[in-house]
Full PDB file with SEQRES, HELIX, SHEET, SSBOND, CRYST1, ORIGX, SCALE, CONECT and MASTER records, all heavy atoms in Angstrom:
SEQRES   1 A   41  ARG LYS PHE TYR GLU ILE TYR LEU ALA ARG ASP ASN PRO          
SEQRES   2 A   41  THR GLY ARG LEU ASP ASN ILE LEU LYS ILE THR GLU ASP          
SEQRES   3 A   41  ARG ASN ILE ALA VAL THR PRO LEU LYS PRO LYS GLN LEU          
SEQRES   4 A   41  SER GLY                                                      
HELIX    1 AA1 GLY A   15  LEU A   17  5                                   3    
HELIX    2 AA2 ASP A   18  ASP A   26  1                                   9    
HELIX    3 AA3 PRO A   36  SER A   40  1                                   5    
SHEET    1 AA1 2 GLU A   5  ALA A   9  0                                        
SHEET    2 AA1 2 ALA A  30  LEU A  34  1                                        
CRYST1    1.000    1.000    1.000  90.00  90.00  90.00 P 1           1          
ORIGX1      1.000000  0.000000  0.000000        0.00000                         
ORIGX2      0.000000  1.000000  0.000000        0.00000                         
ORIGX3      0.000000  0.000000  1.000000        0.00000                         
SCALE1      1.000000  0.000000  0.000000        0.00000                         
SCALE2      0.000000  1.000000  0.000000        0.00000                         
SCALE3      0.000000  0.000000  1.000000        0.00000                         
ATOM      1  N   ARG A   1     -77.733  -0.813  89.271  1.00  0.00           N  
ATOM      2  CA  ARG A   1     -77.355   0.091  90.330  1.00  0.00           C  
ATOM      3  C   ARG A   1     -77.708  -0.592  91.644  1.00  0.00           C  
ATOM      4  O   ARG A   1     -78.599  -1.503  91.749  1.00  0.00           O  
ATOM      5  CB  ARG A   1     -78.269   1.368  90.311  1.00  0.00           C  
ATOM      6  CG  ARG A   1     -77.957   2.147  89.112  1.00  0.00           C  
ATOM      7  CD  ARG A   1     -78.953   3.361  89.274  1.00  0.00           C  
ATOM      8  NE  ARG A   1     -78.975   4.206  88.098  1.00  0.00           N  
ATOM      9  CZ  ARG A   1     -78.550   5.505  88.099  1.00  0.00           C  
ATOM     10  NH1 ARG A   1     -78.213   6.039  89.129  1.00  0.00           N  
ATOM     11  NH2 ARG A   1     -78.610   6.116  86.908  1.00  0.00           N  
ATOM     12  N   LYS A   2     -77.042  -0.240  92.812  1.00  0.00           N  
ATOM     13  CA  LYS A   2     -77.285  -0.749  94.025  1.00  0.00           C  
ATOM     14  C   LYS A   2     -78.215   0.232  94.771  1.00  0.00           C  
ATOM     15  O   LYS A   2     -78.102   1.336  94.603  1.00  0.00           O  
ATOM     16  CB  LYS A   2     -76.067  -0.740  94.926  1.00  0.00           C  
ATOM     17  CG  LYS A   2     -76.276  -1.186  96.424  1.00  0.00           C  
ATOM     18  CD  LYS A   2     -75.018  -1.379  97.151  1.00  0.00           C  
ATOM     19  CE  LYS A   2     -75.282  -1.704  98.574  1.00  0.00           C  
ATOM     20  NZ  LYS A   2     -75.955  -2.926  98.854  1.00  0.00           N  
ATOM     21  N   PHE A   3     -79.474  -0.307  95.280  1.00  0.00           N  
ATOM     22  CA  PHE A   3     -80.396   0.602  95.810  1.00  0.00           C  
ATOM     23  C   PHE A   3     -80.183   0.512  97.367  1.00  0.00           C  
ATOM     24  O   PHE A   3     -80.121  -0.543  97.962  1.00  0.00           O  
ATOM     25  CB  PHE A   3     -81.823  -0.058  95.505  1.00  0.00           C  
ATOM     26  CG  PHE A   3     -82.464   0.469  94.317  1.00  0.00           C  
ATOM     27  CD1 PHE A   3     -81.922  -0.024  93.118  1.00  0.00           C  
ATOM     28  CD2 PHE A   3     -83.379   1.378  94.272  1.00  0.00           C  
ATOM     29  CE1 PHE A   3     -82.362   0.429  91.938  1.00  0.00           C  
ATOM     30  CE2 PHE A   3     -83.950   1.780  93.093  1.00  0.00           C  
ATOM     31  CZ  PHE A   3     -83.364   1.264  91.930  1.00  0.00           C  
ATOM     32  N   TYR A   4     -80.030   1.709  98.005  1.00  0.00           N  
ATOM     33  CA  TYR A   4     -79.746   1.776  99.466  1.00  0.00           C  
ATOM     34  C   TYR A   4     -80.972   1.979 100.152  1.00  0.00           C  
ATOM     35  O   TYR A   4     -81.255   1.600 101.363  1.00  0.00           O  
ATOM     36  CB  TYR A   4     -78.787   3.005  99.679  1.00  0.00           C  
ATOM     37  CG  TYR A   4     -77.538   2.643  99.014  1.00  0.00           C  
ATOM     38  CD1 TYR A   4     -77.003   3.347  97.936  1.00  0.00           C  
ATOM     39  CD2 TYR A   4     -76.553   1.822  99.557  1.00  0.00           C  
ATOM     40  CE1 TYR A   4     -75.876   3.063  97.305  1.00  0.00           C  
ATOM     41  CE2 TYR A   4     -75.353   1.558  98.970  1.00  0.00           C  
ATOM     42  CZ  TYR A   4     -74.999   2.139  97.815  1.00  0.00           C  
ATOM     43  OH  TYR A   4     -73.800   2.029  97.298  1.00  0.00           O  
ATOM     44  N   GLU A   5     -81.968   2.728  99.547  1.00  0.00           N  
ATOM     45  CA  GLU A   5     -83.254   3.121 100.198  1.00  0.00           C  
ATOM     46  C   GLU A   5     -84.234   3.601  99.183  1.00  0.00           C  
ATOM     47  O   GLU A   5     -83.875   4.344  98.294  1.00  0.00           O  
ATOM     48  CB  GLU A   5     -82.922   4.130 101.294  1.00  0.00           C  
ATOM     49  CG  GLU A   5     -83.889   4.369 102.226  1.00  0.00           C  
ATOM     50  CD  GLU A   5     -83.424   5.268 103.483  1.00  0.00           C  
ATOM     51  OE1 GLU A   5     -82.297   5.833 103.349  1.00  0.00           O  
ATOM     52  OE2 GLU A   5     -84.060   5.339 104.411  1.00  0.00           O  
ATOM     53  N   ILE A   6     -85.494   3.366  99.551  1.00  0.00           N  
ATOM     54  CA  ILE A   6     -86.614   3.796  98.802  1.00  0.00           C  
ATOM     55  C   ILE A   6     -87.408   4.854  99.615  1.00  0.00           C  
ATOM     56  O   ILE A   6     -87.716   4.551 100.738  1.00  0.00           O  
ATOM     57  CB  ILE A   6     -87.621   2.797  98.304  1.00  0.00           C  
ATOM     58  CG1 ILE A   6     -86.928   1.749  97.295  1.00  0.00           C  
ATOM     59  CG2 ILE A   6     -88.874   3.430  97.557  1.00  0.00           C  
ATOM     60  CD1 ILE A   6     -86.671   2.110  95.973  1.00  0.00           C  
ATOM     61  N   TYR A   7     -87.825   6.019  99.061  1.00  0.00           N  
ATOM     62  CA  TYR A   7     -88.524   7.017  99.782  1.00  0.00           C  
ATOM     63  C   TYR A   7     -89.959   7.110  99.191  1.00  0.00           C  
ATOM     64  O   TYR A   7     -90.055   7.157  97.997  1.00  0.00           O  
ATOM     65  CB  TYR A   7     -87.890   8.253  99.749  1.00  0.00           C  
ATOM     66  CG  TYR A   7     -86.397   8.331 100.134  1.00  0.00           C  
ATOM     67  CD1 TYR A   7     -85.371   8.532  99.256  1.00  0.00           C  
ATOM     68  CD2 TYR A   7     -86.101   8.217 101.585  1.00  0.00           C  
ATOM     69  CE1 TYR A   7     -84.085   8.409  99.660  1.00  0.00           C  
ATOM     70  CE2 TYR A   7     -84.804   8.130 101.963  1.00  0.00           C  
ATOM     71  CZ  TYR A   7     -83.738   8.292 100.981  1.00  0.00           C  
ATOM     72  OH  TYR A   7     -82.482   8.187 101.409  1.00  0.00           O  
ATOM     73  N   LEU A   8     -90.844   7.101  99.990  1.00  0.00           N  
ATOM     74  CA  LEU A   8     -92.273   7.123  99.676  1.00  0.00           C  
ATOM     75  C   LEU A   8     -92.915   8.296 100.387  1.00  0.00           C  
ATOM     76  O   LEU A   8     -92.877   8.441 101.541  1.00  0.00           O  
ATOM     77  CB  LEU A   8     -93.070   5.906  99.999  1.00  0.00           C  
ATOM     78  CG  LEU A   8     -92.810   4.694  99.213  1.00  0.00           C  
ATOM     79  CD1 LEU A   8     -93.640   3.531  99.699  1.00  0.00           C  
ATOM     80  CD2 LEU A   8     -92.769   4.799  97.768  1.00  0.00           C  
ATOM     81  N   ALA A   9     -93.710   9.162  99.661  1.00  0.00           N  
ATOM     82  CA  ALA A   9     -94.532  10.220 100.235  1.00  0.00           C  
ATOM     83  C   ALA A   9     -95.681   9.714 100.851  1.00  0.00           C  
ATOM     84  O   ALA A   9     -96.332   8.816 100.385  1.00  0.00           O  
ATOM     85  CB  ALA A   9     -94.880  11.222  99.102  1.00  0.00           C  
ATOM     86  N   ARG A  10     -95.971   9.958 102.114  1.00  0.00           N  
ATOM     87  CA  ARG A  10     -96.996   9.461 102.901  1.00  0.00           C  
ATOM     88  C   ARG A  10     -98.404   9.552 102.252  1.00  0.00           C  
ATOM     89  O   ARG A  10     -99.297   8.660 102.498  1.00  0.00           O  
ATOM     90  CB  ARG A  10     -97.131  10.134 104.279  1.00  0.00           C  
ATOM     91  CG  ARG A  10     -95.761   9.731 105.092  1.00  0.00           C  
ATOM     92  CD  ARG A  10     -96.029  10.344 106.620  1.00  0.00           C  
ATOM     93  NE  ARG A  10     -94.752  10.131 107.251  1.00  0.00           N  
ATOM     94  CZ  ARG A  10     -94.281  10.787 108.292  1.00  0.00           C  
ATOM     95  NH1 ARG A  10     -95.020  11.770 108.762  1.00  0.00           N  
ATOM     96  NH2 ARG A  10     -93.198  10.466 108.942  1.00  0.00           N  
ATOM     97  N   ASP A  11     -98.626  10.615 101.581  1.00  0.00           N  
ATOM     98  CA  ASP A  11    -100.080  10.784 101.097  1.00  0.00           C  
ATOM     99  C   ASP A  11    -100.175  10.262  99.655  1.00  0.00           C  
ATOM    100  O   ASP A  11    -101.249  10.494  98.965  1.00  0.00           O  
ATOM    101  CB  ASP A  11    -100.497  12.323 101.162  1.00  0.00           C  
ATOM    102  CG  ASP A  11     -99.709  13.223 100.264  1.00  0.00           C  
ATOM    103  OD1 ASP A  11     -98.633  12.633  99.643  1.00  0.00           O  
ATOM    104  OD2 ASP A  11    -100.017  14.269 100.033  1.00  0.00           O  
ATOM    105  N   ASN A  12     -99.230   9.527  99.051  1.00  0.00           N  
ATOM    106  CA  ASN A  12     -99.331   9.020  97.718  1.00  0.00           C  
ATOM    107  C   ASN A  12    -100.012   7.691  97.691  1.00  0.00           C  
ATOM    108  O   ASN A  12     -99.926   6.866  98.514  1.00  0.00           O  
ATOM    109  CB  ASN A  12     -97.826   8.699  97.289  1.00  0.00           C  
ATOM    110  CG  ASN A  12     -97.840   8.445  95.726  1.00  0.00           C  
ATOM    111  OD1 ASN A  12     -98.235   9.179  95.005  1.00  0.00           O  
ATOM    112  ND2 ASN A  12     -97.177   7.455  95.408  1.00  0.00           N  
ATOM    113  N   PRO A  13    -100.976   7.539  96.773  1.00  0.00           N  
ATOM    114  CA  PRO A  13    -101.720   6.324  96.727  1.00  0.00           C  
ATOM    115  C   PRO A  13    -100.843   5.129  96.333  1.00  0.00           C  
ATOM    116  O   PRO A  13     -99.982   5.217  95.599  1.00  0.00           O  
ATOM    117  CB  PRO A  13    -102.629   6.560  95.472  1.00  0.00           C  
ATOM    118  CG  PRO A  13    -102.556   7.963  95.161  1.00  0.00           C  
ATOM    119  CD  PRO A  13    -101.379   8.580  95.812  1.00  0.00           C  
ATOM    120  N   THR A  14    -101.082   4.028  97.106  1.00  0.00           N  
ATOM    121  CA  THR A  14    -100.115   2.963  97.042  1.00  0.00           C  
ATOM    122  C   THR A  14    -100.547   2.060  95.804  1.00  0.00           C  
ATOM    123  O   THR A  14     -99.538   1.239  95.410  1.00  0.00           O  
ATOM    124  CB  THR A  14    -100.164   2.078  98.198  1.00  0.00           C  
ATOM    125  OG1 THR A  14    -101.555   1.638  98.494  1.00  0.00           O  
ATOM    126  CG2 THR A  14     -99.617   2.838  99.440  1.00  0.00           C  
ATOM    127  N   GLY A  15    -101.551   2.121  95.156  1.00  0.00           N  
ATOM    128  CA  GLY A  15    -101.913   1.232  94.001  1.00  0.00           C  
ATOM    129  C   GLY A  15    -100.873   1.299  92.927  1.00  0.00           C  
ATOM    130  O   GLY A  15    -100.586   0.363  92.350  1.00  0.00           O  
ATOM    131  N   ARG A  16    -100.434   2.495  92.505  1.00  0.00           N  
ATOM    132  CA  ARG A  16     -99.454   2.631  91.482  1.00  0.00           C  
ATOM    133  C   ARG A  16     -98.146   2.119  91.865  1.00  0.00           C  
ATOM    134  O   ARG A  16     -97.256   1.929  90.907  1.00  0.00           O  
ATOM    135  CB  ARG A  16     -99.411   4.094  91.054  1.00  0.00           C  
ATOM    136  CG  ARG A  16    -100.641   4.618  90.457  1.00  0.00           C  
ATOM    137  CD  ARG A  16    -100.583   6.099  90.166  1.00  0.00           C  
ATOM    138  NE  ARG A  16     -99.627   6.260  89.064  1.00  0.00           N  
ATOM    139  CZ  ARG A  16     -99.086   7.436  88.675  1.00  0.00           C  
ATOM    140  NH1 ARG A  16     -99.401   8.499  89.366  1.00  0.00           N  
ATOM    141  NH2 ARG A  16     -98.250   7.479  87.641  1.00  0.00           N  
ATOM    142  N   LEU A  17     -97.826   1.953  93.098  1.00  0.00           N  
ATOM    143  CA  LEU A  17     -96.566   1.595  93.621  1.00  0.00           C  
ATOM    144  C   LEU A  17     -96.415   0.027  94.013  1.00  0.00           C  
ATOM    145  O   LEU A  17     -95.331  -0.315  94.508  1.00  0.00           O  
ATOM    146  CB  LEU A  17     -96.048   2.447  94.727  1.00  0.00           C  
ATOM    147  CG  LEU A  17     -96.165   3.963  94.438  1.00  0.00           C  
ATOM    148  CD1 LEU A  17     -95.808   4.786  95.682  1.00  0.00           C  
ATOM    149  CD2 LEU A  17     -95.094   4.206  93.324  1.00  0.00           C  
ATOM    150  N   ASP A  18     -97.445  -0.691  93.919  1.00  0.00           N  
ATOM    151  CA  ASP A  18     -97.512  -2.060  94.298  1.00  0.00           C  
ATOM    152  C   ASP A  18     -96.346  -2.917  93.706  1.00  0.00           C  
ATOM    153  O   ASP A  18     -95.613  -3.709  94.384  1.00  0.00           O  
ATOM    154  CB  ASP A  18     -98.750  -2.769  93.988  1.00  0.00           C  
ATOM    155  CG  ASP A  18     -99.912  -2.241  94.861  1.00  0.00           C  
ATOM    156  OD1 ASP A  18     -99.640  -1.677  95.933  1.00  0.00           O  
ATOM    157  OD2 ASP A  18    -101.027  -2.453  94.510  1.00  0.00           O  
ATOM    158  N   ASN A  19     -96.074  -2.717  92.401  1.00  0.00           N  
ATOM    159  CA  ASN A  19     -95.042  -3.503  91.787  1.00  0.00           C  
ATOM    160  C   ASN A  19     -93.626  -3.213  92.357  1.00  0.00           C  
ATOM    161  O   ASN A  19     -92.850  -3.984  92.650  1.00  0.00           O  
ATOM    162  CB  ASN A  19     -95.042  -3.322  90.258  1.00  0.00           C  
ATOM    163  CG  ASN A  19     -94.088  -4.212  89.634  1.00  0.00           C  
ATOM    164  OD1 ASN A  19     -94.003  -5.491  89.952  1.00  0.00           O  
ATOM    165  ND2 ASN A  19     -93.497  -3.747  88.405  1.00  0.00           N  
ATOM    166  N   ILE A  20     -93.378  -1.945  92.562  1.00  0.00           N  
ATOM    167  CA  ILE A  20     -92.159  -1.412  93.170  1.00  0.00           C  
ATOM    168  C   ILE A  20     -92.058  -1.883  94.494  1.00  0.00           C  
ATOM    169  O   ILE A  20     -90.964  -2.411  94.876  1.00  0.00           O  
ATOM    170  CB  ILE A  20     -92.021   0.103  93.051  1.00  0.00           C  
ATOM    171  CG1 ILE A  20     -91.975   0.572  91.552  1.00  0.00           C  
ATOM    172  CG2 ILE A  20     -90.891   0.524  93.927  1.00  0.00           C  
ATOM    173  CD1 ILE A  20     -91.932   2.068  91.465  1.00  0.00           C  
ATOM    174  N   LEU A  21     -93.012  -1.827  95.308  1.00  0.00           N  
ATOM    175  CA  LEU A  21     -92.936  -2.402  96.590  1.00  0.00           C  
ATOM    176  C   LEU A  21     -92.728  -3.888  96.724  1.00  0.00           C  
ATOM    177  O   LEU A  21     -92.000  -4.322  97.704  1.00  0.00           O  
ATOM    178  CB  LEU A  21     -94.293  -1.992  97.433  1.00  0.00           C  
ATOM    179  CG  LEU A  21     -94.273  -0.566  97.672  1.00  0.00           C  
ATOM    180  CD1 LEU A  21     -95.713  -0.210  98.346  1.00  0.00           C  
ATOM    181  CD2 LEU A  21     -93.210   0.117  98.545  1.00  0.00           C  
ATOM    182  N   LYS A  22     -93.351  -4.576  95.814  1.00  0.00           N  
ATOM    183  CA  LYS A  22     -92.903  -6.037  95.736  1.00  0.00           C  
ATOM    184  C   LYS A  22     -91.597  -6.286  95.554  1.00  0.00           C  
ATOM    185  O   LYS A  22     -90.929  -7.170  96.229  1.00  0.00           O  
ATOM    186  CB  LYS A  22     -93.910  -6.703  94.692  1.00  0.00           C  
ATOM    187  CG  LYS A  22     -93.634  -8.129  94.470  1.00  0.00           C  
ATOM    188  CD  LYS A  22     -94.047  -9.057  95.553  1.00  0.00           C  
ATOM    189  CE  LYS A  22     -94.000 -10.484  95.159  1.00  0.00           C  
ATOM    190  NZ  LYS A  22     -93.152 -11.228  96.033  1.00  0.00           N  
ATOM    191  N   ILE A  23     -90.979  -5.622  94.665  1.00  0.00           N  
ATOM    192  CA  ILE A  23     -89.566  -5.826  94.373  1.00  0.00           C  
ATOM    193  C   ILE A  23     -88.663  -5.477  95.474  1.00  0.00           C  
ATOM    194  O   ILE A  23     -87.591  -6.144  95.831  1.00  0.00           O  
ATOM    195  CB  ILE A  23     -89.073  -5.033  93.078  1.00  0.00           C  
ATOM    196  CG1 ILE A  23     -89.835  -5.473  91.869  1.00  0.00           C  
ATOM    197  CG2 ILE A  23     -87.575  -4.923  92.847  1.00  0.00           C  
ATOM    198  CD1 ILE A  23     -89.712  -4.662  90.575  1.00  0.00           C  
ATOM    199  N   THR A  24     -88.988  -4.273  96.150  1.00  0.00           N  
ATOM    200  CA  THR A  24     -88.198  -3.829  97.259  1.00  0.00           C  
ATOM    201  C   THR A  24     -88.315  -4.873  98.445  1.00  0.00           C  
ATOM    202  O   THR A  24     -87.311  -5.151  99.111  1.00  0.00           O  
ATOM    203  CB  THR A  24     -88.501  -2.511  97.760  1.00  0.00           C  
ATOM    204  OG1 THR A  24     -90.002  -2.471  98.236  1.00  0.00           O  
ATOM    205  CG2 THR A  24     -88.293  -1.554  96.771  1.00  0.00           C  
ATOM    206  N   GLU A  25     -89.447  -5.493  98.619  1.00  0.00           N  
ATOM    207  CA  GLU A  25     -89.621  -6.575  99.612  1.00  0.00           C  
ATOM    208  C   GLU A  25     -88.782  -7.805  99.202  1.00  0.00           C  
ATOM    209  O   GLU A  25     -87.964  -8.346 100.226  1.00  0.00           O  
ATOM    210  CB  GLU A  25     -91.045  -6.926  99.792  1.00  0.00           C  
ATOM    211  CG  GLU A  25     -91.412  -7.947 100.788  1.00  0.00           C  
ATOM    212  CD  GLU A  25     -92.805  -8.175 100.977  1.00  0.00           C  
ATOM    213  OE1 GLU A  25     -93.653  -7.250 101.012  1.00  0.00           O  
ATOM    214  OE2 GLU A  25     -93.226  -9.459 100.794  1.00  0.00           O  
ATOM    215  N   ASP A  26     -88.961  -8.224  98.019  1.00  0.00           N  
ATOM    216  CA  ASP A  26     -88.017  -9.346  97.549  1.00  0.00           C  
ATOM    217  C   ASP A  26     -86.517  -9.104  97.789  1.00  0.00           C  
ATOM    218  O   ASP A  26     -85.858 -10.072  97.998  1.00  0.00           O  
ATOM    219  CB  ASP A  26     -88.312  -9.778  96.072  1.00  0.00           C  
ATOM    220  CG  ASP A  26     -89.716 -10.283  95.853  1.00  0.00           C  
ATOM    221  OD1 ASP A  26     -90.328 -10.518  96.878  1.00  0.00           O  
ATOM    222  OD2 ASP A  26     -90.231 -10.207  94.725  1.00  0.00           O  
ATOM    223  N   ARG A  27     -86.032  -7.903  97.534  1.00  0.00           N  
ATOM    224  CA  ARG A  27     -84.571  -7.527  97.648  1.00  0.00           C  
ATOM    225  C   ARG A  27     -84.210  -6.993  98.953  1.00  0.00           C  
ATOM    226  O   ARG A  27     -83.005  -6.633  98.919  1.00  0.00           O  
ATOM    227  CB  ARG A  27     -84.271  -6.604  96.453  1.00  0.00           C  
ATOM    228  CG  ARG A  27     -84.485  -7.200  95.115  1.00  0.00           C  
ATOM    229  CD  ARG A  27     -83.999  -6.257  94.075  1.00  0.00           C  
ATOM    230  NE  ARG A  27     -84.302  -6.741  92.815  1.00  0.00           N  
ATOM    231  CZ  ARG A  27     -84.178  -6.119  91.608  1.00  0.00           C  
ATOM    232  NH1 ARG A  27     -83.582  -4.868  91.574  1.00  0.00           N  
ATOM    233  NH2 ARG A  27     -84.554  -6.496  90.442  1.00  0.00           N  
ATOM    234  N   ASN A  28     -85.114  -6.888  99.899  1.00  0.00           N  
ATOM    235  CA  ASN A  28     -84.693  -6.344 101.165  1.00  0.00           C  
ATOM    236  C   ASN A  28     -84.215  -4.951 101.127  1.00  0.00           C  
ATOM    237  O   ASN A  28     -83.281  -4.587 101.708  1.00  0.00           O  
ATOM    238  CB  ASN A  28     -83.797  -7.281 102.069  1.00  0.00           C  
ATOM    239  CG  ASN A  28     -84.347  -8.664 102.372  1.00  0.00           C  
ATOM    240  OD1 ASN A  28     -85.641  -8.629 102.653  1.00  0.00           O  
ATOM    241  ND2 ASN A  28     -83.591  -9.731 102.131  1.00  0.00           N  
ATOM    242  N   ILE A  29     -84.841  -4.182 100.350  1.00  0.00           N  
ATOM    243  CA  ILE A  29     -84.359  -2.650 100.297  1.00  0.00           C  
ATOM    244  C   ILE A  29     -85.316  -1.932 101.280  1.00  0.00           C  
ATOM    245  O   ILE A  29     -86.531  -1.996 101.246  1.00  0.00           O  
ATOM    246  CB  ILE A  29     -84.645  -2.148  98.871  1.00  0.00           C  
ATOM    247  CG1 ILE A  29     -83.778  -2.951  97.768  1.00  0.00           C  
ATOM    248  CG2 ILE A  29     -84.282  -0.605  98.783  1.00  0.00           C  
ATOM    249  CD1 ILE A  29     -84.102  -2.709  96.366  1.00  0.00           C  
ATOM    250  N   ALA A  30     -84.741  -1.144 102.095  1.00  0.00           N  
ATOM    251  CA  ALA A  30     -85.354  -0.339 103.096  1.00  0.00           C  
ATOM    252  C   ALA A  30     -86.368   0.592 102.320  1.00  0.00           C  
ATOM    253  O   ALA A  30     -85.929   1.263 101.392  1.00  0.00           O  
ATOM    254  CB  ALA A  30     -84.474   0.492 103.951  1.00  0.00           C  
ATOM    255  N   VAL A  31     -87.578   0.767 103.057  1.00  0.00           N  
ATOM    256  CA  VAL A  31     -88.540   1.792 102.414  1.00  0.00           C  
ATOM    257  C   VAL A  31     -88.748   2.732 103.597  1.00  0.00           C  
ATOM    258  O   VAL A  31     -89.082   2.375 104.659  1.00  0.00           O  
ATOM    259  CB  VAL A  31     -89.779   1.135 101.940  1.00  0.00           C  
ATOM    260  CG1 VAL A  31     -90.873   2.115 101.552  1.00  0.00           C  
ATOM    261  CG2 VAL A  31     -89.612   0.113 100.868  1.00  0.00           C  
ATOM    262  N   THR A  32     -88.636   4.033 103.290  1.00  0.00           N  
ATOM    263  CA  THR A  32     -88.775   5.104 104.274  1.00  0.00           C  
ATOM    264  C   THR A  32     -89.852   5.916 103.836  1.00  0.00           C  
ATOM    265  O   THR A  32     -89.809   6.655 102.836  1.00  0.00           O  
ATOM    266  CB  THR A  32     -87.510   5.951 104.491  1.00  0.00           C  
ATOM    267  OG1 THR A  32     -86.388   4.929 104.816  1.00  0.00           O  
ATOM    268  CG2 THR A  32     -87.624   6.960 105.483  1.00  0.00           C  
ATOM    269  N   PRO A  33     -90.960   6.089 104.708  1.00  0.00           N  
ATOM    270  CA  PRO A  33     -92.026   7.196 104.357  1.00  0.00           C  
ATOM    271  C   PRO A  33     -91.547   8.547 104.782  1.00  0.00           C  
ATOM    272  O   PRO A  33     -90.904   8.747 105.704  1.00  0.00           O  
ATOM    273  CB  PRO A  33     -93.158   6.775 105.234  1.00  0.00           C  
ATOM    274  CG  PRO A  33     -92.583   5.940 106.443  1.00  0.00           C  
ATOM    275  CD  PRO A  33     -91.279   5.334 105.883  1.00  0.00           C  
ATOM    276  N   LEU A  34     -91.819   9.442 103.786  1.00  0.00           N  
ATOM    277  CA  LEU A  34     -91.441  10.785 104.027  1.00  0.00           C  
ATOM    278  C   LEU A  34     -92.610  11.746 103.666  1.00  0.00           C  
ATOM    279  O   LEU A  34     -93.581  11.346 102.981  1.00  0.00           O  
ATOM    280  CB  LEU A  34     -90.321  11.205 103.029  1.00  0.00           C  
ATOM    281  CG  LEU A  34     -88.969  10.616 103.220  1.00  0.00           C  
ATOM    282  CD1 LEU A  34     -88.091  11.116 102.117  1.00  0.00           C  
ATOM    283  CD2 LEU A  34     -88.392  10.938 104.573  1.00  0.00           C  
ATOM    284  N   LYS A  35     -92.631  13.020 104.233  1.00  0.00           N  
ATOM    285  CA  LYS A  35     -93.667  13.912 103.858  1.00  0.00           C  
ATOM    286  C   LYS A  35     -93.257  14.373 102.401  1.00  0.00           C  
ATOM    287  O   LYS A  35     -92.148  14.439 102.040  1.00  0.00           O  
ATOM    288  CB  LYS A  35     -93.631  15.057 104.748  1.00  0.00           C  
ATOM    289  CG  LYS A  35     -94.036  14.649 106.209  1.00  0.00           C  
ATOM    290  CD  LYS A  35     -93.991  15.879 107.127  1.00  0.00           C  
ATOM    291  CE  LYS A  35     -94.502  15.476 108.558  1.00  0.00           C  
ATOM    292  NZ  LYS A  35     -94.348  16.525 109.477  1.00  0.00           N  
ATOM    293  N   PRO A  36     -94.369  14.646 101.697  1.00  0.00           N  
ATOM    294  CA  PRO A  36     -94.073  15.229 100.281  1.00  0.00           C  
ATOM    295  C   PRO A  36     -92.927  16.313 100.199  1.00  0.00           C  
ATOM    296  O   PRO A  36     -92.095  16.267  99.325  1.00  0.00           O  
ATOM    297  CB  PRO A  36     -95.459  15.638  99.822  1.00  0.00           C  
ATOM    298  CG  PRO A  36     -96.246  14.853 100.541  1.00  0.00           C  
ATOM    299  CD  PRO A  36     -95.751  14.630 101.921  1.00  0.00           C  
ATOM    300  N   LYS A  37     -92.944  17.222 101.175  1.00  0.00           N  
ATOM    301  CA  LYS A  37     -91.970  18.292 101.150  1.00  0.00           C  
ATOM    302  C   LYS A  37     -90.585  17.752 101.301  1.00  0.00           C  
ATOM    303  O   LYS A  37     -89.642  18.268 100.749  1.00  0.00           O  
ATOM    304  CB  LYS A  37     -92.378  19.381 102.245  1.00  0.00           C  
ATOM    305  CG  LYS A  37     -93.490  20.357 101.841  1.00  0.00           C  
ATOM    306  CD  LYS A  37     -93.713  21.481 102.713  1.00  0.00           C  
ATOM    307  CE  LYS A  37     -94.733  22.449 102.271  1.00  0.00           C  
ATOM    308  NZ  LYS A  37     -94.881  23.510 103.152  1.00  0.00           N  
ATOM    309  N   GLN A  38     -90.510  16.848 102.177  1.00  0.00           N  
ATOM    310  CA  GLN A  38     -89.174  16.277 102.441  1.00  0.00           C  
ATOM    311  C   GLN A  38     -88.578  15.483 101.075  1.00  0.00           C  
ATOM    312  O   GLN A  38     -87.514  15.614 100.822  1.00  0.00           O  
ATOM    313  CB  GLN A  38     -89.106  15.161 103.631  1.00  0.00           C  
ATOM    314  CG  GLN A  38     -89.435  15.674 104.867  1.00  0.00           C  
ATOM    315  CD  GLN A  38     -89.641  14.765 105.985  1.00  0.00           C  
ATOM    316  OE1 GLN A  38     -90.583  13.771 105.817  1.00  0.00           O  
ATOM    317  NE2 GLN A  38     -88.855  14.769 107.021  1.00  0.00           N  
ATOM    318  N   LEU A  39     -89.484  14.804 100.524  1.00  0.00           N  
ATOM    319  CA  LEU A  39     -89.159  14.105  99.294  1.00  0.00           C  
ATOM    320  C   LEU A  39     -88.806  15.156  98.131  1.00  0.00           C  
ATOM    321  O   LEU A  39     -87.837  14.932  97.515  1.00  0.00           O  
ATOM    322  CB  LEU A  39     -90.345  13.121  98.784  1.00  0.00           C  
ATOM    323  CG  LEU A  39     -89.903  12.288  97.562  1.00  0.00           C  
ATOM    324  CD1 LEU A  39     -88.629  11.514  97.750  1.00  0.00           C  
ATOM    325  CD2 LEU A  39     -91.111  11.367  97.419  1.00  0.00           C  
ATOM    326  N   SER A  40     -89.541  16.176  98.095  1.00  0.00           N  
ATOM    327  CA  SER A  40     -89.204  17.237  97.112  1.00  0.00           C  
ATOM    328  C   SER A  40     -87.851  17.840  97.479  1.00  0.00           C  
ATOM    329  O   SER A  40     -87.097  18.214  96.521  1.00  0.00           O  
ATOM    330  CB  SER A  40     -90.203  18.458  97.286  1.00  0.00           C  
ATOM    331  OG  SER A  40     -91.590  17.976  96.871  1.00  0.00           O  
ATOM    332  N   GLY A  41     -87.522  17.928  98.735  1.00  0.00           N  
ATOM    333  CA  GLY A  41     -86.082  18.446  99.115  1.00  0.00           C  
ATOM    334  C   GLY A  41     -85.073  17.474  98.550  1.00  0.00           C  
ATOM    335  O   GLY A  41     -84.053  17.859  98.132  1.00  0.00           O  
TER     336      GLY A  41                                                      
MASTER        0    0    0    3    2    0    0    6  335    1    0    4          
END                                                                             
């Protein structure tokens, strides 16, 4: 799949997401912080 954007909830611990963030950085995929309610929507 083509990844257009990754959304992260602001209050989520980053430790579990380190591997994903490394891949997004390597592939230049935009990462957008959102509030948990926005991500739920």
